[in-house]
Amino acid sequence: MAEAKAEKKAADKKALAKKAAKNKKPNVFVRLWKYLLACKGELKKITWPSPAQTTKNFGIVIAVIVVMGLLIFGLDQGLYALLGLIMGTGSSV
């Protein structure tokens, strides 16, 4: 009877050790390697724009920047002139 308990206890210890080994995280380098492989796979899925499309988008961005710059410049000059009229510091030519 004592032998049966000892065998059961040993079997339980083995089962717990097996379960603990199963739940153990892999080495940090193994996890890093898996991560880098996953990144490589994701990079292959990307559809990159053509040079013509990139040039077109670049032109659009530059045009929007110029238009917004002119809009902000005009608004700034207008508000500065309005402030000058209100404060009476405008130049009277």
N, C-alpha and C. Protein backbone atom coordinates (compact mmCIF):
# COMPACT_ATOMS: atom_id res chain seq x y z
N MET A 1 0.82 -1.18 0.00
CA MET A 1 0.00 0.00 0.00
C MET A 1 0.87 1.25 0.00
N ALA A 2 1.94 1.20 0.75
CA ALA A 2 2.83 2.34 0.82
C ALA A 2 3.53 2.53 -0.52
N GLU A 3 3.81 1.38 -1.18
CA GLU A 3 4.45 1.46 -2.49
C GLU A 3 3.53 2.10 -3.52
N ALA A 4 2.23 1.82 -3.44
CA ALA A 4 1.26 2.37 -4.38
C ALA A 4 1.18 3.89 -4.20
N LYS A 5 1.20 4.33 -2.95
CA LYS A 5 1.16 5.78 -2.70
C LYS A 5 2.43 6.45 -3.21
N ALA A 6 3.55 5.79 -3.01
CA ALA A 6 4.82 6.35 -3.46
C ALA A 6 4.86 6.42 -4.98
N GLU A 7 4.34 5.36 -5.65
CA GLU A 7 4.30 5.38 -7.11
C GLU A 7 3.36 6.47 -7.64
N LYS A 8 2.23 6.62 -6.96
CA LYS A 8 1.27 7.65 -7.37
C LYS A 8 1.87 9.04 -7.18
N LYS A 9 2.57 9.22 -6.06
CA LYS A 9 3.21 10.50 -5.78
C LYS A 9 4.28 10.80 -6.84
N ALA A 10 5.05 9.80 -7.22
CA ALA A 10 6.09 9.97 -8.24
C ALA A 10 5.46 10.29 -9.59
N ALA A 11 4.34 9.63 -9.90
CA ALA A 11 3.65 9.89 -11.16
C ALA A 11 3.09 11.32 -11.17
N ASP A 12 2.56 11.75 -10.05
CA ASP A 12 2.04 13.12 -9.96
C ASP A 12 3.16 14.14 -10.14
N LYS A 13 4.32 13.87 -9.55
CA LYS A 13 5.47 14.77 -9.70
C LYS A 13 5.90 14.85 -11.16
N LYS A 14 5.92 13.70 -11.84
CA LYS A 14 6.30 13.68 -13.25
C LYS A 14 5.30 14.48 -14.09
N ALA A 15 4.02 14.31 -13.78
CA ALA A 15 2.97 15.03 -14.53
C ALA A 15 3.10 16.53 -14.30
N LEU A 16 3.37 16.92 -13.06
CA LEU A 16 3.55 18.36 -12.77
C LEU A 16 4.78 18.91 -13.47
N ALA A 17 5.86 18.13 -13.49
CA ALA A 17 7.09 18.57 -14.15
C ALA A 17 6.86 18.71 -15.66
N LYS A 18 6.12 17.77 -16.22
CA LYS A 18 5.81 17.81 -17.65
C LYS A 18 4.96 19.04 -17.97
N LYS A 19 3.98 19.31 -17.12
CA LYS A 19 3.10 20.47 -17.32
C LYS A 19 3.87 21.77 -17.17
N ALA A 20 4.79 21.82 -16.21
CA ALA A 20 5.60 23.02 -15.99
C ALA A 20 6.53 23.25 -17.17
N ALA A 21 7.10 22.16 -17.71
CA ALA A 21 7.99 22.30 -18.87
C ALA A 21 7.20 22.76 -20.09
N LYS A 22 5.97 22.33 -20.19
CA LYS A 22 5.12 22.72 -21.32
C LYS A 22 4.78 24.21 -21.25
N ASN A 23 4.56 24.74 -20.05
CA ASN A 23 4.18 26.14 -19.87
C ASN A 23 5.37 27.08 -19.85
N LYS A 24 6.59 26.56 -19.82
CA LYS A 24 7.78 27.39 -19.74
C LYS A 24 7.97 28.15 -21.05
N LYS A 25 8.33 29.45 -20.94
CA LYS A 25 8.57 30.27 -22.13
C LYS A 25 9.87 29.83 -22.80
N PRO A 26 9.90 29.92 -24.14
CA PRO A 26 11.15 29.60 -24.82
C PRO A 26 12.23 30.65 -24.52
N ASN A 27 13.44 30.31 -24.87
CA ASN A 27 14.58 31.20 -24.69
C ASN A 27 14.32 32.55 -25.36
N VAL A 28 14.92 33.62 -24.83
CA VAL A 28 14.70 34.96 -25.37
C VAL A 28 15.16 35.05 -26.83
N PHE A 29 16.22 34.34 -27.17
CA PHE A 29 16.72 34.39 -28.54
C PHE A 29 15.79 33.66 -29.50
N VAL A 30 15.17 32.59 -29.02
CA VAL A 30 14.20 31.86 -29.84
C VAL A 30 12.99 32.75 -30.10
N ARG A 31 12.52 33.44 -29.05
CA ARG A 31 11.37 34.34 -29.22
C ARG A 31 11.72 35.50 -30.15
N LEU A 32 12.93 36.04 -30.02
CA LEU A 32 13.36 37.13 -30.89
C LEU A 32 13.43 36.67 -32.34
N TRP A 33 13.97 35.48 -32.57
CA TRP A 33 14.08 34.93 -33.93
C TRP A 33 12.68 34.74 -34.54
N LYS A 34 11.74 34.21 -33.75
CA LYS A 34 10.37 34.03 -34.25
C LYS A 34 9.74 35.38 -34.58
N TYR A 35 9.99 36.37 -33.75
CA TYR A 35 9.45 37.71 -33.99
C TYR A 35 10.01 38.28 -35.30
N LEU A 36 11.32 38.15 -35.49
CA LEU A 36 11.93 38.69 -36.71
C LEU A 36 11.43 37.96 -37.96
N LEU A 37 11.21 36.67 -37.86
CA LEU A 37 10.65 35.93 -39.00
C LEU A 37 9.22 36.39 -39.30
N ALA A 38 8.45 36.67 -38.25
CA ALA A 38 7.09 37.17 -38.45
C ALA A 38 7.13 38.55 -39.10
N CYS A 39 8.07 39.39 -38.69
CA CYS A 39 8.21 40.72 -39.30
C CYS A 39 8.56 40.60 -40.78
N LYS A 40 9.46 39.68 -41.10
CA LYS A 40 9.84 39.48 -42.49
C LYS A 40 8.63 39.04 -43.32
N GLY A 41 7.81 38.17 -42.76
CA GLY A 41 6.60 37.74 -43.45
C GLY A 41 5.62 38.87 -43.67
N GLU A 42 5.49 39.75 -42.68
CA GLU A 42 4.58 40.89 -42.82
C GLU A 42 5.10 41.89 -43.85
N LEU A 43 6.43 42.08 -43.91
CA LEU A 43 6.99 43.00 -44.90
C LEU A 43 6.75 42.52 -46.33
N LYS A 44 6.69 41.21 -46.52
CA LYS A 44 6.43 40.68 -47.85
C LYS A 44 5.00 40.96 -48.30
N LYS A 45 4.10 41.19 -47.36
CA LYS A 45 2.70 41.43 -47.69
C LYS A 45 2.43 42.88 -48.13
N ILE A 46 3.38 43.77 -47.89
CA ILE A 46 3.19 45.19 -48.20
C ILE A 46 3.22 45.41 -49.70
N THR A 47 2.30 46.22 -50.19
CA THR A 47 2.33 46.63 -51.60
C THR A 47 2.89 48.05 -51.64
N TRP A 48 4.10 48.18 -52.16
CA TRP A 48 4.79 49.45 -52.20
C TRP A 48 4.31 50.26 -53.41
N PRO A 49 4.20 51.60 -53.28
CA PRO A 49 3.78 52.42 -54.42
C PRO A 49 4.86 52.47 -55.49
N SER A 50 4.42 52.70 -56.72
CA SER A 50 5.38 52.80 -57.82
C SER A 50 6.08 54.15 -57.75
N PRO A 51 7.22 54.31 -58.44
CA PRO A 51 7.89 55.61 -58.45
C PRO A 51 7.00 56.73 -59.00
N ALA A 52 6.20 56.42 -60.02
CA ALA A 52 5.31 57.44 -60.58
C ALA A 52 4.26 57.89 -59.55
N GLN A 53 3.71 56.93 -58.82
CA GLN A 53 2.71 57.26 -57.80
C GLN A 53 3.36 58.05 -56.66
N THR A 54 4.58 57.69 -56.30
CA THR A 54 5.28 58.42 -55.24
C THR A 54 5.55 59.86 -55.66
N THR A 55 5.96 60.07 -56.92
CA THR A 55 6.22 61.42 -57.42
C THR A 55 4.93 62.24 -57.43
N LYS A 56 3.83 61.62 -57.85
CA LYS A 56 2.54 62.32 -57.88
C LYS A 56 2.13 62.73 -56.47
N ASN A 57 2.25 61.81 -55.51
CA ASN A 57 1.89 62.12 -54.13
C ASN A 57 2.79 63.21 -53.55
N PHE A 58 4.07 63.19 -53.90
CA PHE A 58 5.01 64.22 -53.45
C PHE A 58 4.57 65.58 -53.96
N GLY A 59 4.17 65.66 -55.24
CA GLY A 59 3.70 66.92 -55.82
C GLY A 59 2.46 67.43 -55.12
N ILE A 60 1.55 66.52 -54.80
CA ILE A 60 0.32 66.91 -54.11
C ILE A 60 0.64 67.46 -52.73
N VAL A 61 1.55 66.82 -52.02
CA VAL A 61 1.92 67.28 -50.67
C VAL A 61 2.56 68.66 -50.74
N ILE A 62 3.46 68.88 -51.70
CA ILE A 62 4.10 70.19 -51.83
C ILE A 62 3.07 71.26 -52.16
N ALA A 63 2.13 70.96 -53.05
CA ALA A 63 1.09 71.93 -53.41
C ALA A 63 0.23 72.29 -52.20
N VAL A 64 -0.16 71.31 -51.42
CA VAL A 64 -0.98 71.58 -50.23
C VAL A 64 -0.19 72.41 -49.23
N ILE A 65 1.09 72.13 -49.06
CA ILE A 65 1.91 72.92 -48.13
C ILE A 65 1.99 74.37 -48.58
N VAL A 66 2.18 74.60 -49.89
CA VAL A 66 2.27 75.97 -50.41
C VAL A 66 0.94 76.69 -50.21
N VAL A 67 -0.18 76.04 -50.54
CA VAL A 67 -1.50 76.68 -50.40
C VAL A 67 -1.77 77.01 -48.94
N MET A 68 -1.49 76.07 -48.04
CA MET A 68 -1.73 76.33 -46.62
C MET A 68 -0.80 77.43 -46.09
N GLY A 69 0.43 77.45 -46.56
CA GLY A 69 1.35 78.51 -46.15
C GLY A 69 0.86 79.88 -46.60
N LEU A 70 0.39 79.97 -47.83
CA LEU A 70 -0.15 81.24 -48.32
C LEU A 70 -1.40 81.64 -47.55
N LEU A 71 -2.25 80.67 -47.24
CA LEU A 71 -3.47 80.95 -46.47
C LEU A 71 -3.12 81.48 -45.08
N ILE A 72 -2.19 80.83 -44.41
CA ILE A 72 -1.79 81.28 -43.07
C ILE A 72 -1.10 82.64 -43.15
N PHE A 73 -0.26 82.85 -44.17
CA PHE A 73 0.40 84.15 -44.34
C PHE A 73 -0.63 85.26 -44.55
N GLY A 74 -1.61 85.01 -45.42
CA GLY A 74 -2.65 86.02 -45.67
C GLY A 74 -3.47 86.31 -44.42
N LEU A 75 -3.83 85.26 -43.68
CA LEU A 75 -4.60 85.44 -42.45
C LEU A 75 -3.78 86.21 -41.42
N ASP A 76 -2.52 85.91 -41.31
CA ASP A 76 -1.65 86.60 -40.36
C ASP A 76 -1.53 88.08 -40.72
N GLN A 77 -1.30 88.38 -42.00
CA GLN A 77 -1.17 89.77 -42.43
C GLN A 77 -2.48 90.54 -42.23
N GLY A 78 -3.62 89.88 -42.53
CA GLY A 78 -4.92 90.52 -42.35
C GLY A 78 -5.20 90.83 -40.88
N LEU A 79 -4.93 89.87 -40.03
CA LEU A 79 -5.18 90.09 -38.60
C LEU A 79 -4.21 91.13 -38.03
N TYR A 80 -2.98 91.15 -38.53
CA TYR A 80 -2.01 92.15 -38.09
C TYR A 80 -2.48 93.56 -38.50
N ALA A 81 -2.99 93.68 -39.73
CA ALA A 81 -3.49 94.97 -40.19
C ALA A 81 -4.73 95.39 -39.39
N LEU A 82 -5.63 94.44 -39.09
CA LEU A 82 -6.82 94.74 -38.30
C LEU A 82 -6.43 95.17 -36.89
N LEU A 83 -5.47 94.53 -36.31
CA LEU A 83 -4.99 94.92 -34.99
C LEU A 83 -4.38 96.31 -35.01
N GLY A 84 -3.67 96.62 -36.10
CA GLY A 84 -3.09 97.94 -36.24
C GLY A 84 -4.17 99.02 -36.32
N LEU A 85 -5.27 98.71 -37.01
CA LEU A 85 -6.37 99.67 -37.09
C LEU A 85 -7.03 99.86 -35.73
N ILE A 86 -7.22 98.77 -35.01
CA ILE A 86 -7.88 98.85 -33.70
C ILE A 86 -7.00 99.59 -32.70
N MET A 87 -5.72 99.28 -32.70
CA MET A 87 -4.81 99.89 -31.73
C MET A 87 -4.35 101.29 -32.16
N GLY A 88 -4.60 101.62 -33.39
CA GLY A 88 -4.20 102.94 -33.87
C GLY A 88 -2.72 103.05 -34.13
N THR A 89 -2.05 101.93 -34.34
CA THR A 89 -0.61 101.96 -34.59
C THR A 89 -0.30 101.80 -36.07
N GLY A 90 -1.32 101.77 -36.89
CA GLY A 90 -1.09 101.60 -38.31
C GLY A 90 -0.41 102.83 -38.88
N SER A 91 0.34 102.64 -39.94
CA SER A 91 1.04 103.77 -40.56
C SER A 91 0.04 104.56 -41.39
N SER A 92 0.03 105.85 -41.22
CA SER A 92 -0.89 106.71 -41.98
C SER A 92 -0.09 107.38 -43.09
N VAL A 93 -0.23 106.88 -44.27
CA VAL A 93 0.52 107.41 -45.40
C VAL A 93 -0.37 108.31 -46.21
